Amino acid sequence: MKVLLVEDDKDIRESIKEMLEQEGFTVDALGDGGQALRRLLSNHDSYDIVVLDMILPEIEGKEICRLVRKENIVTPIVMLTGQRDLREKVEAFSAGADDYVTKPFFIDELIARMHAIMRRPRQSTKLNTLVVGNLELNFATRKVYKDKVEFFLTPKEFHILELLMRNPDQVLARDKLLAHGWDFSYTSFTNVIDVHINSIRKKLRMSKDRDLVTVHGVGYRLKVKS
């Protein structure tokens, strides 16, 4: 899961980023509202969820939320604030936030709320899981199952498979897979995605023709068996 974290306090921002990365998330971290708004308007498809501080330099979190919703950007947003005032909570939801966490908080609470928002009933009704065909990801344990048999994937492989499973039977370009598994500053002209795809195929015993299909010149498609 790729996260855009927007928090102006450098110490808090780096602490949250480090803890999320320890839990297997890919995190882009920004410190001001203007930069965050521009990133969301131009690259919102790169993120699964946004963790957005309420009070930010240049543009406040509530206004960012309001503006991206006005542009029909539906990326889930969790608001962070040091205020416990009920009015602040109401204003956050009115602006389009999906959830609200009051500082200070335990990282486990934030992660639990993030997972709750990201559940997609059309693909799975199980808590903290994503199920597509004979594949299952458990976000709480970071475990991967195929036909109920557990397999080990690295964090990068897990992220790539997650994006493929969230978009079954759709062709995903290499650039999109790269954007999902690596932070925004990462640039590469190597075959890093191909290497990870081949590793996923080998570990999960998947065919490049029938399961995890190569679309030459474009990217990859996870074919879901009926």
C-alpha atoms as a PDB file:
ATOM      1  CA  MET A   1       0.000   0.000   0.000  1.00  0.00           C
ATOM      2  CA  LYS A   2       1.422   3.393  -0.973  1.00  0.00           C
ATOM      3  CA  VAL A   3       0.795   6.354   1.329  1.00  0.00           C
ATOM      4  CA  LEU A   4       1.102  10.112   0.887  1.00  0.00           C
ATOM      5  CA  LEU A   5       1.904  11.514   4.333  1.00  0.00           C
ATOM      6  CA  VAL A   6       1.509  15.284   4.781  1.00  0.00           C
ATOM      7  CA  GLU A   7       2.702  16.654   8.141  1.00  0.00           C
ATOM      8  CA  ASP A   8       4.503  19.957   8.730  1.00  0.00           C
ATOM      9  CA  ASP A   9       6.297  18.944  11.932  1.00  0.00           C
ATOM     10  CA  LYS A  10       9.514  17.331  10.693  1.00  0.00           C
ATOM     11  CA  ASP A  11      10.055  15.132  13.750  1.00  0.00           C
ATOM     12  CA  ILE A  12       6.478  13.826  13.715  1.00  0.00           C
ATOM     13  CA  ARG A  13       6.567  13.369   9.934  1.00  0.00           C
ATOM     14  CA  GLU A  14       9.779  11.348  10.011  1.00  0.00           C
ATOM     15  CA  SER A  15       8.589   9.286  12.964  1.00  0.00           C
ATOM     16  CA  ILE A  16       5.281   8.349  11.306  1.00  0.00           C
ATOM     17  CA  LYS A  17       7.045   7.625   8.000  1.00  0.00           C
ATOM     18  CA  GLU A  18       9.556   5.337   9.679  1.00  0.00           C
ATOM     19  CA  MET A  19       6.874   3.426  11.589  1.00  0.00           C
ATOM     20  CA  LEU A  20       4.685   2.990   8.504  1.00  0.00           C
ATOM     21  CA  GLU A  21       7.649   1.741   6.485  1.00  0.00           C
ATOM     22  CA  GLN A  22       8.471  -0.738   9.232  1.00  0.00           C
ATOM     23  CA  GLU A  23       4.954  -2.115   8.736  1.00  0.00           C
ATOM     24  CA  GLY A  24       5.578  -2.576   5.010  1.00  0.00           C
ATOM     25  CA  PHE A  25       4.032   0.605   3.575  1.00  0.00           C
ATOM     26  CA  THR A  26       5.660   2.708   0.862  1.00  0.00           C
ATOM     27  CA  VAL A  27       5.550   6.331   2.027  1.00  0.00           C
ATOM     28  CA  ASP A  28       6.030   9.692   0.325  1.00  0.00           C
ATOM     29  CA  ALA A  29       6.266  12.415   2.995  1.00  0.00           C
ATOM     30  CA  LEU A  30       5.649  16.129   2.416  1.00  0.00           C
ATOM     31  CA  GLY A  31       5.719  19.093   4.782  1.00  0.00           C
ATOM     32  CA  ASP A  32       3.474  21.790   3.289  1.00  0.00           C
ATOM     33  CA  GLY A  33      -0.046  22.002   1.952  1.00  0.00           C
ATOM     34  CA  GLY A  34       0.729  23.605  -1.392  1.00  0.00           C
ATOM     35  CA  GLN A  35       3.110  20.864  -2.416  1.00  0.00           C
ATOM     36  CA  ALA A  36       0.654  18.226  -1.198  1.00  0.00           C
ATOM     37  CA  LEU A  37      -2.200  19.692  -3.244  1.00  0.00           C
ATOM     38  CA  ARG A  38      -0.079  19.825  -6.390  1.00  0.00           C
ATOM     39  CA  ARG A  39       1.069  16.235  -5.861  1.00  0.00           C
ATOM     40  CA  LEU A  40      -2.501  15.003  -5.419  1.00  0.00           C
ATOM     41  CA  LEU A  41      -3.839  16.880  -8.419  1.00  0.00           C
ATOM     42  CA  SER A  42      -1.135  15.484 -10.684  1.00  0.00           C
ATOM     43  CA  ASN A  43      -0.319  12.073  -9.178  1.00  0.00           C
ATOM     44  CA  HIS A  44      -3.266  10.939  -7.059  1.00  0.00           C
ATOM     45  CA  ASP A  45      -3.426   7.608  -8.929  1.00  0.00           C
ATOM     46  CA  SER A  46      -0.034   6.727  -7.438  1.00  0.00           C
ATOM     47  CA  TYR A  47      -1.435   6.599  -3.890  1.00  0.00           C
ATOM     48  CA  ASP A  48      -3.762   4.196  -2.122  1.00  0.00           C
ATOM     49  CA  ILE A  49      -4.409   6.541   0.794  1.00  0.00           C
ATOM     50  CA  VAL A  50      -3.472  10.000   2.136  1.00  0.00           C
ATOM     51  CA  VAL A  51      -2.620  10.802   5.759  1.00  0.00           C
ATOM     52  CA  LEU A  52      -3.165  14.560   5.961  1.00  0.00           C
ATOM     53  CA  ASP A  53      -2.486  16.928   8.850  1.00  0.00           C
ATOM     54  CA  MET A  54      -5.230  19.464   9.526  1.00  0.00           C
ATOM     55  CA  ILE A  55      -2.941  22.479  10.059  1.00  0.00           C
ATOM     56  CA  LEU A  56      -0.345  23.014   7.317  1.00  0.00           C
ATOM     57  CA  PRO A  57       1.671  25.878   5.821  1.00  0.00           C
ATOM     58  CA  GLU A  58       0.280  27.518   2.660  1.00  0.00           C
ATOM     59  CA  ILE A  59      -2.961  25.502   2.461  1.00  0.00           C
ATOM     60  CA  GLU A  60      -4.709  23.809   5.393  1.00  0.00           C
ATOM     61  CA  GLY A  61      -5.576  20.151   5.276  1.00  0.00           C
ATOM     62  CA  LYS A  62      -9.317  20.765   5.210  1.00  0.00           C
ATOM     63  CA  GLU A  63      -8.969  22.990   2.157  1.00  0.00           C
ATOM     64  CA  ILE A  64      -6.782  20.433   0.381  1.00  0.00           C
ATOM     65  CA  CYS A  65      -9.394  17.799   1.077  1.00  0.00           C
ATOM     66  CA  ARG A  66     -12.184  20.043  -0.197  1.00  0.00           C
ATOM     67  CA  LEU A  67     -10.305  20.928  -3.385  1.00  0.00           C
ATOM     68  CA  VAL A  68      -9.355  17.375  -4.344  1.00  0.00           C
ATOM     69  CA  ARG A  69     -12.910  16.174  -3.763  1.00  0.00           C
ATOM     70  CA  LYS A  70     -14.101  19.026  -5.995  1.00  0.00           C
ATOM     71  CA  GLU A  71     -11.888  17.514  -8.708  1.00  0.00           C
ATOM     72  CA  ASN A  72     -13.599  14.127  -8.170  1.00  0.00           C
ATOM     73  CA  ILE A  73     -10.441  12.611  -6.693  1.00  0.00           C
ATOM     74  CA  VAL A  74     -11.658   9.806  -4.446  1.00  0.00           C
ATOM     75  CA  THR A  75      -8.340   8.685  -2.903  1.00  0.00           C
ATOM     76  CA  PRO A  76      -9.111   7.926   0.775  1.00  0.00           C
ATOM     77  CA  ILE A  77      -7.976  10.582   3.250  1.00  0.00           C
ATOM     78  CA  VAL A  78      -7.281  10.263   6.983  1.00  0.00           C
ATOM     79  CA  MET A  79      -7.023  13.638   8.727  1.00  0.00           C
ATOM     80  CA  LEU A  80      -4.646  14.229  11.643  1.00  0.00           C
ATOM     81  CA  THR A  81      -5.127  16.973  14.200  1.00  0.00           C
ATOM     82  CA  GLY A  82      -4.111  17.999  17.696  1.00  0.00           C
ATOM     83  CA  GLN A  83      -7.587  19.418  18.303  1.00  0.00           C
ATOM     84  CA  ARG A  84     -10.185  17.403  20.181  1.00  0.00           C
ATOM     85  CA  ASP A  85     -12.987  19.834  19.406  1.00  0.00           C
ATOM     86  CA  LEU A  86     -16.033  18.080  17.898  1.00  0.00           C
ATOM     87  CA  ARG A  87     -16.406  20.977  15.482  1.00  0.00           C
ATOM     88  CA  GLU A  88     -13.008  20.176  13.967  1.00  0.00           C
ATOM     89  CA  LYS A  89     -14.082  16.597  13.413  1.00  0.00           C
ATOM     90  CA  VAL A  90     -17.330  17.662  11.742  1.00  0.00           C
ATOM     91  CA  GLU A  91     -15.465  20.099   9.492  1.00  0.00           C
ATOM     92  CA  ALA A  92     -13.016  17.394   8.444  1.00  0.00           C
ATOM     93  CA  PHE A  93     -15.791  15.037   7.402  1.00  0.00           C
ATOM     94  CA  SER A  94     -17.657  17.873   5.697  1.00  0.00           C
ATOM     95  CA  ALA A  95     -14.549  18.614   3.632  1.00  0.00           C
ATOM     96  CA  GLY A  96     -14.497  15.012   2.417  1.00  0.00           C
ATOM     97  CA  ALA A  97     -12.205  13.185   4.822  1.00  0.00           C
ATOM     98  CA  ASP A  98     -12.834   9.468   5.298  1.00  0.00           C
ATOM     99  CA  ASP A  99     -11.601   9.322   8.880  1.00  0.00           C
ATOM    100  CA  TYR A 100     -10.067  11.446  11.618  1.00  0.00           C
ATOM    101  CA  VAL A 101      -7.295  10.670  14.135  1.00  0.00           C
ATOM    102  CA  THR A 102      -6.466  12.907  17.084  1.00  0.00           C
ATOM    103  CA  LYS A 103      -2.853  13.416  18.164  1.00  0.00           C
ATOM    104  CA  PRO A 104      -1.208  11.902  20.046  1.00  0.00           C
ATOM    105  CA  PHE A 105      -2.088   8.449  18.730  1.00  0.00           C
ATOM    106  CA  PHE A 106      -0.619   4.966  18.610  1.00  0.00           C
ATOM    107  CA  ILE A 107       0.621   3.948  15.165  1.00  0.00           C
ATOM    108  CA  ASP A 108      -1.425   0.732  15.433  1.00  0.00           C
ATOM    109  CA  GLU A 109      -4.593   2.826  15.620  1.00  0.00           C
ATOM    110  CA  LEU A 110      -3.664   4.790  12.512  1.00  0.00           C
ATOM    111  CA  ILE A 111      -2.811   1.626  10.581  1.00  0.00           C
ATOM    112  CA  ALA A 112      -6.046  -0.060  11.663  1.00  0.00           C
ATOM    113  CA  ARG A 113      -8.044   2.933  10.440  1.00  0.00           C
ATOM    114  CA  MET A 114      -6.137   2.968   7.152  1.00  0.00           C
ATOM    115  CA  HIS A 115      -6.877  -0.695   6.555  1.00  0.00           C
ATOM    116  CA  ALA A 116     -10.532  -0.216   7.480  1.00  0.00           C
ATOM    117  CA  ILE A 117     -10.876   2.520   4.865  1.00  0.00           C
ATOM    118  CA  MET A 118      -9.129   0.469   2.207  1.00  0.00           C
ATOM    119  CA  ARG A 119     -11.359  -2.592   2.539  1.00  0.00           C
ATOM    120  CA  ARG A 120     -13.178  -3.266  -0.706  1.00  0.00           C
ATOM    121  CA  PRO A 121     -16.280  -5.409  -0.211  1.00  0.00           C
ATOM    122  CA  ARG A 122     -16.480  -6.322  -3.902  1.00  0.00           C
ATOM    123  CA  GLN A 123     -13.182  -8.170  -3.516  1.00  0.00           C
ATOM    124  CA  SER A 124     -13.299  -9.364   0.064  1.00  0.00           C
ATOM    125  CA  THR A 125     -15.459  -9.206   3.156  1.00  0.00           C
ATOM    126  CA  LYS A 126     -12.728 -10.406   5.508  1.00  0.00           C
ATOM    127  CA  LEU A 127     -11.065  -7.980   7.873  1.00  0.00           C
ATOM    128  CA  ASN A 128      -7.667  -6.808   6.649  1.00  0.00           C
ATOM    129  CA  THR A 129      -7.644  -9.120   3.628  1.00  0.00           C
ATOM    130  CA  LEU A 130      -7.805  -8.789  -0.121  1.00  0.00           C
ATOM    131  CA  VAL A 131      -9.067 -11.840  -1.997  1.00  0.00           C
ATOM    132  CA  VAL A 132      -9.009 -12.188  -5.769  1.00  0.00           C
ATOM    133  CA  GLY A 133      -9.525 -15.580  -7.361  1.00  0.00           C
ATOM    134  CA  ASN A 134      -7.308 -18.116  -5.591  1.00  0.00           C
ATOM    135  CA  LEU A 135      -5.018 -15.428  -4.141  1.00  0.00           C
ATOM    136  CA  GLU A 136      -5.312 -13.826  -0.719  1.00  0.00           C
ATOM    137  CA  LEU A 137      -3.303 -11.046   0.932  1.00  0.00           C
ATOM    138  CA  ASN A 138      -3.489 -10.479   4.662  1.00  0.00           C
ATOM    139  CA  PHE A 139      -2.390  -6.920   5.464  1.00  0.00           C
ATOM    140  CA  ALA A 140      -2.245  -7.478   9.217  1.00  0.00           C
ATOM    141  CA  THR A 141       0.176 -10.410   9.002  1.00  0.00           C
ATOM    142  CA  ARG A 142       1.733  -9.505   5.614  1.00  0.00           C
ATOM    143  CA  LYS A 143       1.096 -13.091   4.520  1.00  0.00           C
ATOM    144  CA  VAL A 144       0.265 -14.267   0.999  1.00  0.00           C
ATOM    145  CA  TYR A 145      -1.803 -17.325   0.168  1.00  0.00           C
ATOM    146  CA  LYS A 146      -2.497 -19.161  -3.064  1.00  0.00           C
ATOM    147  CA  ASP A 147      -5.046 -21.961  -2.899  1.00  0.00           C
ATOM    148  CA  LYS A 148      -4.836 -21.635   0.920  1.00  0.00           C
ATOM    149  CA  VAL A 149      -1.091 -22.376   0.870  1.00  0.00           C
ATOM    150  CA  GLU A 150       1.150 -19.714   2.420  1.00  0.00           C
ATOM    151  CA  PHE A 151       3.994 -18.181   0.405  1.00  0.00           C
ATOM    152  CA  PHE A 152       6.653 -15.639   1.353  1.00  0.00           C
ATOM    153  CA  LEU A 153       7.009 -12.402  -0.632  1.00  0.00           C
ATOM    154  CA  THR A 154       9.353  -9.496   0.035  1.00  0.00           C
ATOM    155  CA  PRO A 155       7.712  -6.129   0.873  1.00  0.00           C
ATOM    156  CA  LYS A 156       8.243  -4.862  -2.701  1.00  0.00           C
ATOM    157  CA  GLU A 157       6.772  -8.033  -4.180  1.00  0.00           C
ATOM    158  CA  PHE A 158       3.841  -7.754  -1.785  1.00  0.00           C
ATOM    159  CA  HIS A 159       3.161  -4.169  -2.937  1.00  0.00           C
ATOM    160  CA  ILE A 160       3.302  -5.118  -6.619  1.00  0.00           C
ATOM    161  CA  LEU A 161       0.988  -8.092  -6.166  1.00  0.00           C
ATOM    162  CA  GLU A 162      -1.400  -5.938  -4.129  1.00  0.00           C
ATOM    163  CA  LEU A 163      -1.743  -3.413  -6.951  1.00  0.00           C
ATOM    164  CA  LEU A 164      -2.292  -6.166  -9.499  1.00  0.00           C
ATOM    165  CA  MET A 165      -4.952  -7.729  -7.272  1.00  0.00           C
ATOM    166  CA  ARG A 166      -6.693  -4.391  -6.813  1.00  0.00           C
ATOM    167  CA  ASN A 167      -6.916  -4.160 -10.594  1.00  0.00           C
ATOM    168  CA  PRO A 168      -7.665  -7.728 -11.742  1.00  0.00           C
ATOM    169  CA  ASP A 169      -7.755  -8.421 -15.488  1.00  0.00           C
ATOM    170  CA  GLN A 170      -6.424  -4.910 -16.190  1.00  0.00           C
ATOM    171  CA  VAL A 171      -3.138  -4.146 -17.889  1.00  0.00           C
ATOM    172  CA  LEU A 172      -0.891  -2.133 -15.555  1.00  0.00           C
ATOM    173  CA  ALA A 173       2.058  -0.277 -17.043  1.00  0.00           C
ATOM    174  CA  ARG A 174       5.507  -0.797 -15.574  1.00  0.00           C
ATOM    175  CA  ASP A 175       5.603   2.894 -14.579  1.00  0.00           C
ATOM    176  CA  LYS A 176       2.456   2.504 -12.487  1.00  0.00           C
ATOM    177  CA  LEU A 177       3.815  -0.569 -10.740  1.00  0.00           C
ATOM    178  CA  LEU A 178       7.057   1.299 -10.083  1.00  0.00           C
ATOM    179  CA  ALA A 179       5.196   4.303  -8.675  1.00  0.00           C
ATOM    180  CA  HIS A 180       3.231   2.046  -6.315  1.00  0.00           C
ATOM    181  CA  GLY A 181       6.198   0.198  -4.845  1.00  0.00           C
ATOM    182  CA  TRP A 182       8.838   2.931  -4.654  1.00  0.00           C
ATOM    183  CA  ASP A 183       8.749   6.456  -3.286  1.00  0.00           C
ATOM    184  CA  PHE A 184       8.240   9.491  -5.512  1.00  0.00           C
ATOM    185  CA  SER A 185      11.937  10.360  -5.674  1.00  0.00           C
ATOM    186  CA  TYR A 186      12.901   6.969  -7.112  1.00  0.00           C
ATOM    187  CA  THR A 187      13.868   6.961 -10.773  1.00  0.00           C
ATOM    188  CA  SER A 188      15.135   3.972 -12.683  1.00  0.00           C
ATOM    189  CA  PHE A 189      15.668   2.863 -16.226  1.00  0.00           C
ATOM    190  CA  THR A 190      16.500  -0.679 -15.136  1.00  0.00           C
ATOM    191  CA  ASN A 191      14.325  -3.770 -15.329  1.00  0.00           C
ATOM    192  CA  VAL A 192      13.544  -3.695 -11.605  1.00  0.00           C
ATOM    193  CA  ILE A 193       9.813  -4.363 -12.155  1.00  0.00           C
ATOM    194  CA  ASP A 194      10.509  -7.288 -14.508  1.00  0.00           C
ATOM    195  CA  VAL A 195      12.837  -8.815 -11.937  1.00  0.00           C
ATOM    196  CA  HIS A 196      10.207  -8.575  -9.183  1.00  0.00           C
ATOM    197  CA  ILE A 197       7.450  -9.911 -11.459  1.00  0.00           C
ATOM    198  CA  ASN A 198       9.584 -12.919 -12.376  1.00  0.00           C
ATOM    199  CA  SER A 199      10.265 -13.535  -8.688  1.00  0.00           C
ATOM    200  CA  ILE A 200       6.529 -13.401  -7.868  1.00  0.00           C
ATOM    201  CA  ARG A 201       5.808 -15.868 -10.673  1.00  0.00           C
ATOM    202  CA  LYS A 202       8.493 -18.246  -9.459  1.00  0.00           C
ATOM    203  CA  LYS A 203       7.428 -18.133  -5.826  1.00  0.00           C
ATOM    204  CA  LEU A 204       3.684 -18.454  -6.508  1.00  0.00           C
ATOM    205  CA  ARG A 205       4.162 -20.888  -9.406  1.00  0.00           C
ATOM    206  CA  MET A 206       2.369 -18.607 -11.829  1.00  0.00           C
ATOM    207  CA  SER A 207       2.518 -18.797 -15.608  1.00  0.00           C
ATOM    208  CA  LYS A 208       3.460 -15.750 -17.701  1.00  0.00           C
ATOM    209  CA  ASP A 209       0.867 -16.821 -20.271  1.00  0.00           C
ATOM    210  CA  ARG A 210      -2.104 -17.843 -18.118  1.00  0.00           C
ATOM    211  CA  ASP A 211      -1.751 -16.233 -14.659  1.00  0.00           C
ATOM    212  CA  LEU A 212       0.511 -13.184 -14.428  1.00  0.00           C
ATOM    213  CA  VAL A 213       0.541 -12.245 -18.093  1.00  0.00           C
ATOM    214  CA  THR A 214       3.189 -10.154 -19.843  1.00  0.00           C
ATOM    215  CA  VAL A 215       1.695  -7.557 -22.182  1.00  0.00           C
ATOM    216  CA  HIS A 216       4.691  -6.800 -24.375  1.00  0.00           C
ATOM    217  CA  GLY A 217       5.680  -3.153 -24.578  1.00  0.00           C
ATOM    218  CA  VAL A 218       3.169  -2.151 -21.880  1.00  0.00           C
ATOM    219  CA  GLY A 219       3.259  -4.052 -18.591  1.00  0.00           C
ATOM    220  CA  TYR A 220       1.474  -6.864 -16.801  1.00  0.00           C
ATOM    221  CA  ARG A 221      -2.011  -8.241 -16.195  1.00  0.00           C
ATOM    222  CA  LEU A 222      -3.197 -10.510 -13.394  1.00  0.00           C
ATOM    223  CA  LYS A 223      -5.627 -12.895 -15.039  1.00  0.00           C
ATOM    224  CA  VAL A 224      -8.359 -14.015 -12.667  1.00  0.00           C
ATOM    225  CA  LYS A 225      -9.572 -17.538 -13.116  1.00  0.00           C
ATOM    226  CA  SER A 226     -13.338 -17.993 -13.040  1.00  0.00           C
END
